PDB file of all heavy atoms in Angstrom:
ATOM      1  N   LEU A   1       0.825  -1.203   0.000  1.00  0.00           N
ATOM      2  CA  LEU A   1       0.000   0.000   0.000  1.00  0.00           C
ATOM      3  C   LEU A   1       0.862   1.257   0.000  1.00  0.00           C
ATOM      4  O   LEU A   1       1.885   1.323   0.681  1.00  0.00           O
ATOM      5  CB  LEU A   1      -0.901  -0.017   1.250  1.00  0.00           C
ATOM      6  CG  LEU A   1      -1.949   1.060   1.384  1.00  0.00           C
ATOM      7  CD1 LEU A   1      -2.941   1.030   0.225  1.00  0.00           C
ATOM      8  CD2 LEU A   1      -2.691   0.888   2.711  1.00  0.00           C
ATOM      9  N   GLU A   2       0.445   2.239  -0.779  1.00  0.00           N
ATOM     10  CA  GLU A   2       1.131   3.532  -0.820  1.00  0.00           C
ATOM     11  C   GLU A   2       0.144   4.634  -0.464  1.00  0.00           C
ATOM     12  O   GLU A   2      -1.058   4.480  -0.659  1.00  0.00           O
ATOM     13  CB  GLU A   2       1.679   3.804  -2.221  1.00  0.00           C
ATOM     14  CG  GLU A   2       2.759   2.850  -2.659  1.00  0.00           C
ATOM     15  CD  GLU A   2       3.246   3.165  -4.067  1.00  0.00           C
ATOM     16  OE1 GLU A   2       3.186   4.337  -4.491  1.00  0.00           O
ATOM     17  OE2 GLU A   2       3.680   2.222  -4.746  1.00  0.00           O
ATOM     18  N   ALA A   3       0.654   5.743   0.025  1.00  0.00           N
ATOM     19  CA  ALA A   3      -0.176   6.901   0.329  1.00  0.00           C
ATOM     20  C   ALA A   3       0.365   8.101  -0.429  1.00  0.00           C
ATOM     21  O   ALA A   3       1.570   8.208  -0.666  1.00  0.00           O
ATOM     22  CB  ALA A   3      -0.162   7.191   1.829  1.00  0.00           C
ATOM     23  N   ALA A   4      -0.529   8.986  -0.824  1.00  0.00           N
ATOM     24  CA  ALA A   4      -0.123  10.203  -1.531  1.00  0.00           C
ATOM     25  C   ALA A   4      -1.037  11.346  -1.111  1.00  0.00           C
ATOM     26  O   ALA A   4      -2.221  11.142  -0.856  1.00  0.00           O
ATOM     27  CB  ALA A   4      -0.222   9.997  -3.038  1.00  0.00           C
ATOM     28  N   VAL A   5      -0.475  12.529  -1.027  1.00  0.00           N
ATOM     29  CA  VAL A   5      -1.255  13.731  -0.762  1.00  0.00           C
ATOM     30  C   VAL A   5      -1.495  14.405  -2.101  1.00  0.00           C
ATOM     31  O   VAL A   5      -0.558  14.638  -2.864  1.00  0.00           O
ATOM     32  CB  VAL A   5      -0.505  14.690   0.193  1.00  0.00           C
ATOM     33  CG1 VAL A   5      -1.281  15.974   0.384  1.00  0.00           C
ATOM     34  CG2 VAL A   5      -0.245  14.006   1.529  1.00  0.00           C
ATOM     35  N   VAL A   6      -2.759  14.676  -2.403  1.00  0.00           N
ATOM     36  CA  VAL A   6      -3.120  15.263  -3.694  1.00  0.00           C
ATOM     37  C   VAL A   6      -4.044  16.447  -3.489  1.00  0.00           C
ATOM     38  O   VAL A   6      -4.654  16.605  -2.433  1.00  0.00           O
ATOM     39  CB  VAL A   6      -3.805  14.216  -4.611  1.00  0.00           C
ATOM     40  CG1 VAL A   6      -2.855  13.068  -4.925  1.00  0.00           C
ATOM     41  CG2 VAL A   6      -5.069  13.689  -3.981  1.00  0.00           C
ATOM     42  N   ASN A   7      -4.146  17.277  -4.508  1.00  0.00           N
ATOM     43  CA  ASN A   7      -5.024  18.441  -4.448  1.00  0.00           C
ATOM     44  C   ASN A   7      -6.324  18.244  -5.217  1.00  0.00           C
ATOM     45  O   ASN A   7      -7.219  19.065  -5.119  1.00  0.00           O
ATOM     46  CB  ASN A   7      -4.299  19.684  -4.982  1.00  0.00           C
ATOM     47  CG  ASN A   7      -3.190  20.119  -4.056  1.00  0.00           C
ATOM     48  OD1 ASN A   7      -3.325  20.079  -2.842  1.00  0.00           O
ATOM     49  ND2 ASN A   7      -2.062  20.502  -4.629  1.00  0.00           N
ATOM     50  N   GLN A   8      -6.430  17.168  -5.995  1.00  0.00           N
ATOM     51  CA  GLN A   8      -7.638  16.937  -6.775  1.00  0.00           C
ATOM     52  C   GLN A   8      -8.804  16.603  -5.849  1.00  0.00           C
ATOM     53  O   GLN A   8      -8.623  15.973  -4.816  1.00  0.00           O
ATOM     54  CB  GLN A   8      -7.460  15.777  -7.764  1.00  0.00           C
ATOM     55  CG  GLN A   8      -6.466  16.049  -8.836  1.00  0.00           C
ATOM     56  CD  GLN A   8      -5.088  15.523  -8.479  1.00  0.00           C
ATOM     57  OE1 GLN A   8      -4.767  15.275  -7.337  1.00  0.00           O
ATOM     58  NE2 GLN A   8      -4.261  15.345  -9.488  1.00  0.00           N
ATOM     59  N   LEU A   9     -10.002  17.025  -6.263  1.00  0.00           N
ATOM     60  CA  LEU A   9     -11.189  16.762  -5.471  1.00  0.00           C
ATOM     61  C   LEU A   9     -12.113  15.733  -6.111  1.00  0.00           C
ATOM     62  O   LEU A   9     -12.784  14.984  -5.412  1.00  0.00           O
ATOM     63  CB  LEU A   9     -11.969  18.062  -5.242  1.00  0.00           C
ATOM     64  CG  LEU A   9     -11.229  19.151  -4.466  1.00  0.00           C
ATOM     65  CD1 LEU A   9     -12.071  20.404  -4.387  1.00  0.00           C
ATOM     66  CD2 LEU A   9     -10.883  18.668  -3.071  1.00  0.00           C
ATOM     67  N   LEU A  10     -12.158  15.715  -7.433  1.00  0.00           N
ATOM     68  CA  LEU A  10     -13.064  14.803  -8.130  1.00  0.00           C
ATOM     69  C   LEU A  10     -12.424  13.439  -8.320  1.00  0.00           C
ATOM     70  O   LEU A  10     -11.241  13.333  -8.646  1.00  0.00           O
ATOM     71  CB  LEU A  10     -13.452  15.370  -9.500  1.00  0.00           C
ATOM     72  CG  LEU A  10     -14.247  16.665  -9.520  1.00  0.00           C
ATOM     73  CD1 LEU A  10     -14.496  17.101 -10.958  1.00  0.00           C
ATOM     74  CD2 LEU A  10     -15.569  16.504  -8.770  1.00  0.00           C
ATOM     75  N   LEU A  11     -13.203  12.388  -8.141  1.00  0.00           N
ATOM     76  CA  LEU A  11     -12.721  11.031  -8.364  1.00  0.00           C
ATOM     77  C   LEU A  11     -12.177  10.860  -9.772  1.00  0.00           C
ATOM     78  O   LEU A  11     -11.200  10.146  -9.982  1.00  0.00           O
ATOM     79  CB  LEU A  11     -13.858  10.040  -8.136  1.00  0.00           C
ATOM     80  CG  LEU A  11     -13.688   9.168  -6.915  1.00  0.00           C
ATOM     81  CD1 LEU A  11     -14.990   8.552  -6.493  1.00  0.00           C
ATOM     82  CD2 LEU A  11     -12.655   8.124  -7.152  1.00  0.00           C
ATOM     83  N   ALA A  12     -12.788  11.529 -10.733  1.00  0.00           N
ATOM     84  CA  ALA A  12     -12.321  11.442 -12.120  1.00  0.00           C
ATOM     85  C   ALA A  12     -10.884  11.948 -12.237  1.00  0.00           C
ATOM     86  O   ALA A  12     -10.100  11.433 -13.040  1.00  0.00           O
ATOM     87  CB  ALA A  12     -13.239  12.234 -13.041  1.00  0.00           C
ATOM     88  N   ASP A  13     -10.519  12.941 -11.444  1.00  0.00           N
ATOM     89  CA  ASP A  13      -9.155  13.468 -11.461  1.00  0.00           C
ATOM     90  C   ASP A  13      -8.222  12.600 -10.618  1.00  0.00           C
ATOM     91  O   ASP A  13      -7.092  12.322 -11.017  1.00  0.00           O
ATOM     92  CB  ASP A  13      -9.138  14.905 -10.955  1.00  0.00           C
ATOM     93  CG  ASP A  13      -9.958  15.838 -11.821  1.00  0.00           C
ATOM     94  OD1 ASP A  13     -10.023  15.610 -13.049  1.00  0.00           O
ATOM     95  OD2 ASP A  13     -10.560  16.787 -11.277  1.00  0.00           O
ATOM     96  N   LEU A  14      -8.688  12.176  -9.465  1.00  0.00           N
ATOM     97  CA  LEU A  14      -7.875  11.352  -8.564  1.00  0.00           C
ATOM     98  C   LEU A  14      -7.512  10.003  -9.170  1.00  0.00           C
ATOM     99  O   LEU A  14      -6.463   9.441  -8.873  1.00  0.00           O
ATOM    100  CB  LEU A  14      -8.630  11.094  -7.255  1.00  0.00           C
ATOM    101  CG  LEU A  14      -8.798  12.273  -6.324  1.00  0.00           C
ATOM    102  CD1 LEU A  14      -9.847  11.966  -5.271  1.00  0.00           C
ATOM    103  CD2 LEU A  14      -7.479  12.620  -5.669  1.00  0.00           C
ATOM    104  N   SER A  15      -8.389   9.463  -9.995  1.00  0.00           N
ATOM    105  CA  SER A  15      -8.210   8.105 -10.493  1.00  0.00           C
ATOM    106  C   SER A  15      -7.418   8.008 -11.791  1.00  0.00           C
ATOM    107  O   SER A  15      -7.220   6.902 -12.306  1.00  0.00           O
ATOM    108  CB  SER A  15      -9.578   7.447 -10.681  1.00  0.00           C
ATOM    109  OG  SER A  15     -10.324   8.131 -11.672  1.00  0.00           O
ATOM    110  N   GLN A  16      -6.941   9.121 -12.312  1.00  0.00           N
ATOM    111  CA  GLN A  16      -6.178   9.079 -13.553  1.00  0.00           C
ATOM    112  C   GLN A  16      -4.955   8.186 -13.384  1.00  0.00           C
ATOM    113  O   GLN A  16      -4.212   8.294 -12.420  1.00  0.00           O
ATOM    114  CB  GLN A  16      -5.737  10.493 -13.976  1.00  0.00           C
ATOM    115  CG  GLN A  16      -6.901  11.378 -14.366  1.00  0.00           C
ATOM    116  CD  GLN A  16      -7.718  10.798 -15.509  1.00  0.00           C
ATOM    117  OE1 GLN A  16      -7.221  10.590 -16.610  1.00  0.00           O
ATOM    118  NE2 GLN A  16      -8.986  10.519 -15.243  1.00  0.00           N
ATOM    119  N   GLY A  17      -4.771   7.257 -14.330  1.00  0.00           N
ATOM    120  CA  GLY A  17      -3.638   6.342 -14.288  1.00  0.00           C
ATOM    121  C   GLY A  17      -3.938   5.025 -13.585  1.00  0.00           C
ATOM    122  O   GLY A  17      -3.099   4.128 -13.592  1.00  0.00           O
ATOM    123  N   PHE A  18      -5.103   4.900 -12.984  1.00  0.00           N
ATOM    124  CA  PHE A  18      -5.474   3.656 -12.317  1.00  0.00           C
ATOM    125  C   PHE A  18      -6.345   2.812 -13.236  1.00  0.00           C
ATOM    126  O   PHE A  18      -7.001   3.325 -14.137  1.00  0.00           O
ATOM    127  CB  PHE A  18      -6.213   3.936 -10.999  1.00  0.00           C
ATOM    128  CG  PHE A  18      -5.310   4.475  -9.925  1.00  0.00           C
ATOM    129  CD1 PHE A  18      -5.108   5.836  -9.787  1.00  0.00           C
ATOM    130  CD2 PHE A  18      -4.653   3.607  -9.067  1.00  0.00           C
ATOM    131  CE1 PHE A  18      -4.272   6.339  -8.806  1.00  0.00           C
ATOM    132  CE2 PHE A  18      -3.810   4.100  -8.080  1.00  0.00           C
ATOM    133  CZ  PHE A  18      -3.616   5.467  -7.949  1.00  0.00           C
ATOM    134  N   GLU A  19      -6.360   1.519 -13.004  1.00  0.00           N
ATOM    135  CA  GLU A  19      -7.147   0.609 -13.828  1.00  0.00           C
ATOM    136  C   GLU A  19      -8.580   0.461 -13.332  1.00  0.00           C
ATOM    137  O   GLU A  19      -9.484   0.210 -14.120  1.00  0.00           O
ATOM    138  CB  GLU A  19      -6.478  -0.764 -13.868  1.00  0.00           C
ATOM    139  CG  GLU A  19      -5.142  -0.739 -14.582  1.00  0.00           C
ATOM    140  CD  GLU A  19      -4.493  -2.108 -14.612  1.00  0.00           C
ATOM    141  OE1 GLU A  19      -5.221  -3.115 -14.648  1.00  0.00           O
ATOM    142  OE2 GLU A  19      -3.260  -2.159 -14.603  1.00  0.00           O
ATOM    143  N   VAL A  20      -8.777   0.563 -12.033  1.00  0.00           N
ATOM    144  CA  VAL A  20     -10.111   0.372 -11.457  1.00  0.00           C
ATOM    145  C   VAL A  20     -10.259   1.226 -10.197  1.00  0.00           C
ATOM    146  O   VAL A  20      -9.279   1.473  -9.501  1.00  0.00           O
ATOM    147  CB  VAL A  20     -10.372  -1.119 -11.142  1.00  0.00           C
ATOM    148  CG1 VAL A  20      -9.456  -1.625 -10.043  1.00  0.00           C
ATOM    149  CG2 VAL A  20     -11.817  -1.377 -10.792  1.00  0.00           C
ATOM    150  N   VAL A  21     -11.475   1.669  -9.957  1.00  0.00           N
ATOM    151  CA  VAL A  21     -11.808   2.377  -8.719  1.00  0.00           C
ATOM    152  C   VAL A  21     -12.896   1.568  -8.022  1.00  0.00           C
ATOM    153  O   VAL A  21     -13.901   1.209  -8.631  1.00  0.00           O
ATOM    154  CB  VAL A  21     -12.328   3.807  -8.994  1.00  0.00           C
ATOM    155  CG1 VAL A  21     -12.861   4.451  -7.721  1.00  0.00           C
ATOM    156  CG2 VAL A  21     -11.237   4.662  -9.595  1.00  0.00           C
ATOM    157  N   ILE A  22     -12.662   1.265  -6.750  1.00  0.00           N
ATOM    158  CA  ILE A  22     -13.640   0.549  -5.943  1.00  0.00           C
ATOM    159  C   ILE A  22     -14.288   1.563  -5.012  1.00  0.00           C
ATOM    160  O   ILE A  22     -13.598   2.345  -4.363  1.00  0.00           O
ATOM    161  CB  ILE A  22     -12.963  -0.569  -5.127  1.00  0.00           C
ATOM    162  CG1 ILE A  22     -12.258  -1.544  -6.064  1.00  0.00           C
ATOM    163  CG2 ILE A  22     -13.987  -1.279  -4.238  1.00  0.00           C
ATOM    164  CD1 ILE A  22     -11.362  -2.537  -5.362  1.00  0.00           C
ATOM    165  N   MET A  23     -15.617   1.538  -4.978  1.00  0.00           N
ATOM    166  CA  MET A  23     -16.349   2.486  -4.131  1.00  0.00           C
ATOM    167  C   MET A  23     -17.633   1.837  -3.649  1.00  0.00           C
ATOM    168  O   MET A  23     -18.058   0.812  -4.170  1.00  0.00           O
ATOM    169  CB  MET A  23     -16.670   3.759  -4.910  1.00  0.00           C
ATOM    170  CG  MET A  23     -17.663   3.560  -6.043  1.00  0.00           C
ATOM    171  SD  MET A  23     -18.020   5.048  -6.998  1.00  0.00           S
ATOM    172  CE  MET A  23     -16.549   5.161  -7.996  1.00  0.00           C
ATOM    173  N   GLY A  24     -18.239   2.475  -2.672  1.00  0.00           N
ATOM    174  CA  GLY A  24     -19.540   2.042  -2.193  1.00  0.00           C
ATOM    175  C   GLY A  24     -20.640   2.700  -3.002  1.00  0.00           C
ATOM    176  O   GLY A  24     -20.418   3.688  -3.714  1.00  0.00           O
ATOM    177  N   ALA A  25     -21.835   2.150  -2.873  1.00  0.00           N
ATOM    178  CA  ALA A  25     -22.985   2.672  -3.615  1.00  0.00           C
ATOM    179  C   ALA A  25     -23.294   4.116  -3.244  1.00  0.00           C
ATOM    180  O   ALA A  25     -23.760   4.882  -4.087  1.00  0.00           O
ATOM    181  CB  ALA A  25     -24.204   1.790  -3.378  1.00  0.00           C
ATOM    182  N   ASP A  26     -23.006   4.513  -2.004  1.00  0.00           N
ATOM    183  CA  ASP A  26     -23.250   5.911  -1.622  1.00  0.00           C
ATOM    184  C   ASP A  26     -22.371   6.852  -2.445  1.00  0.00           C
ATOM    185  O   ASP A  26     -22.824   7.890  -2.932  1.00  0.00           O
ATOM    186  CB  ASP A  26     -23.063   6.134  -0.120  1.00  0.00           C
ATOM    187  CG  ASP A  26     -21.738   5.612   0.426  1.00  0.00           C
ATOM    188  OD1 ASP A  26     -21.059   4.799  -0.235  1.00  0.00           O
ATOM    189  OD2 ASP A  26     -21.385   6.010   1.551  1.00  0.00           O
ATOM    190  N   LYS A  27     -21.111   6.487  -2.647  1.00  0.00           N
ATOM    191  CA  LYS A  27     -20.219   7.302  -3.479  1.00  0.00           C
ATOM    192  C   LYS A  27     -20.660   7.260  -4.934  1.00  0.00           C
ATOM    193  O   LYS A  27     -20.605   8.269  -5.647  1.00  0.00           O
ATOM    194  CB  LYS A  27     -18.765   6.816  -3.340  1.00  0.00           C
ATOM    195  CG  LYS A  27     -17.757   7.596  -4.167  1.00  0.00           C
ATOM    196  CD  LYS A  27     -17.745   9.083  -3.857  1.00  0.00           C
ATOM    197  CE  LYS A  27     -17.126   9.382  -2.524  1.00  0.00           C
ATOM    198  NZ  LYS A  27     -17.052  10.840  -2.244  1.00  0.00           N
ATOM    199  N   TRP A  28     -21.107   6.096  -5.412  1.00  0.00           N
ATOM    200  CA  TRP A  28     -21.613   5.963  -6.788  1.00  0.00           C
ATOM    201  C   TRP A  28     -22.712   6.992  -7.033  1.00  0.00           C
ATOM    202  O   TRP A  28     -22.702   7.703  -8.035  1.00  0.00           O
ATOM    203  CB  TRP A  28     -22.123   4.543  -7.011  1.00  0.00           C
ATOM    204  CG  TRP A  28     -22.965   4.377  -8.236  1.00  0.00           C
ATOM    205  CD1 TRP A  28     -24.327   4.370  -8.291  1.00  0.00           C
ATOM    206  CD2 TRP A  28     -22.518   4.242  -9.584  1.00  0.00           C
ATOM    207  NE1 TRP A  28     -24.745   4.218  -9.593  1.00  0.00           N
ATOM    208  CE2 TRP A  28     -23.655   4.138 -10.407  1.00  0.00           C
ATOM    209  CE3 TRP A  28     -21.268   4.188 -10.180  1.00  0.00           C
ATOM    210  CZ2 TRP A  28     -23.582   3.981 -11.784  1.00  0.00           C
ATOM    211  CZ3 TRP A  28     -21.194   4.033 -11.549  1.00  0.00           C
ATOM    212  CH2 TRP A  28     -22.334   3.930 -12.322  1.00  0.00           C
ATOM    213  N   HIS A  29     -23.641   7.079  -6.121  1.00  0.00           N
ATOM    214  CA  HIS A  29     -24.742   8.035  -6.287  1.00  0.00           C
ATOM    215  C   HIS A  29     -24.231   9.470  -6.179  1.00  0.00           C
ATOM    216  O   HIS A  29     -24.691  10.350  -6.903  1.00  0.00           O
ATOM    217  CB  HIS A  29     -25.857   7.743  -5.286  1.00  0.00           C
ATOM    218  CG  HIS A  29     -26.645   6.528  -5.661  1.00  0.00           C
ATOM    219  ND1 HIS A  29     -27.691   6.571  -6.551  1.00  0.00           N
ATOM    220  CD2 HIS A  29     -26.505   5.228  -5.308  1.00  0.00           C
ATOM    221  CE1 HIS A  29     -28.176   5.350  -6.713  1.00  0.00           C
ATOM    222  NE2 HIS A  29     -27.464   4.517  -5.976  1.00  0.00           N
ATOM    223  N   GLN A  30     -23.269   9.707  -5.306  1.00  0.00           N
ATOM    224  CA  GLN A  30     -22.728  11.057  -5.143  1.00  0.00           C
ATOM    225  C   GLN A  30     -22.021  11.528  -6.411  1.00  0.00           C
ATOM    226  O   GLN A  30     -22.197  12.688  -6.814  1.00  0.00           O
ATOM    227  CB  GLN A  30     -21.756  11.085  -3.962  1.00  0.00           C
ATOM    228  CG  GLN A  30     -21.266  12.476  -3.618  1.00  0.00           C
ATOM    229  CD  GLN A  30     -20.268  12.434  -2.480  1.00  0.00           C
ATOM    230  OE1 GLN A  30     -19.289  11.683  -2.522  1.00  0.00           O
ATOM    231  NE2 GLN A  30     -20.517  13.238  -1.461  1.00  0.00           N
ATOM    232  N   ILE A  31     -21.244  10.669  -7.057  1.00  0.00           N
ATOM    233  CA  ILE A  31     -20.505  11.123  -8.249  1.00  0.00           C
ATOM    234  C   ILE A  31     -21.437  11.401  -9.424  1.00  0.00           C
ATOM    235  O   ILE A  31     -21.032  12.043 -10.385  1.00  0.00           O
ATOM    236  CB  ILE A  31     -19.376  10.157  -8.674  1.00  0.00           C
ATOM    237  CG1 ILE A  31     -19.932   8.824  -9.164  1.00  0.00           C
ATOM    238  CG2 ILE A  31     -18.358   9.997  -7.550  1.00  0.00           C
ATOM    239  CD1 ILE A  31     -18.893   7.915  -9.800  1.00  0.00           C
TER     240      ILE A  31
END
């Protein structure tokens, strides 16, 4: 596991370069 501090707020920005994003249904509805 790695940790990073980022300034992006949107999942679409945070997830750039990743293959998959795992989230709960509450986040699904929020996005």
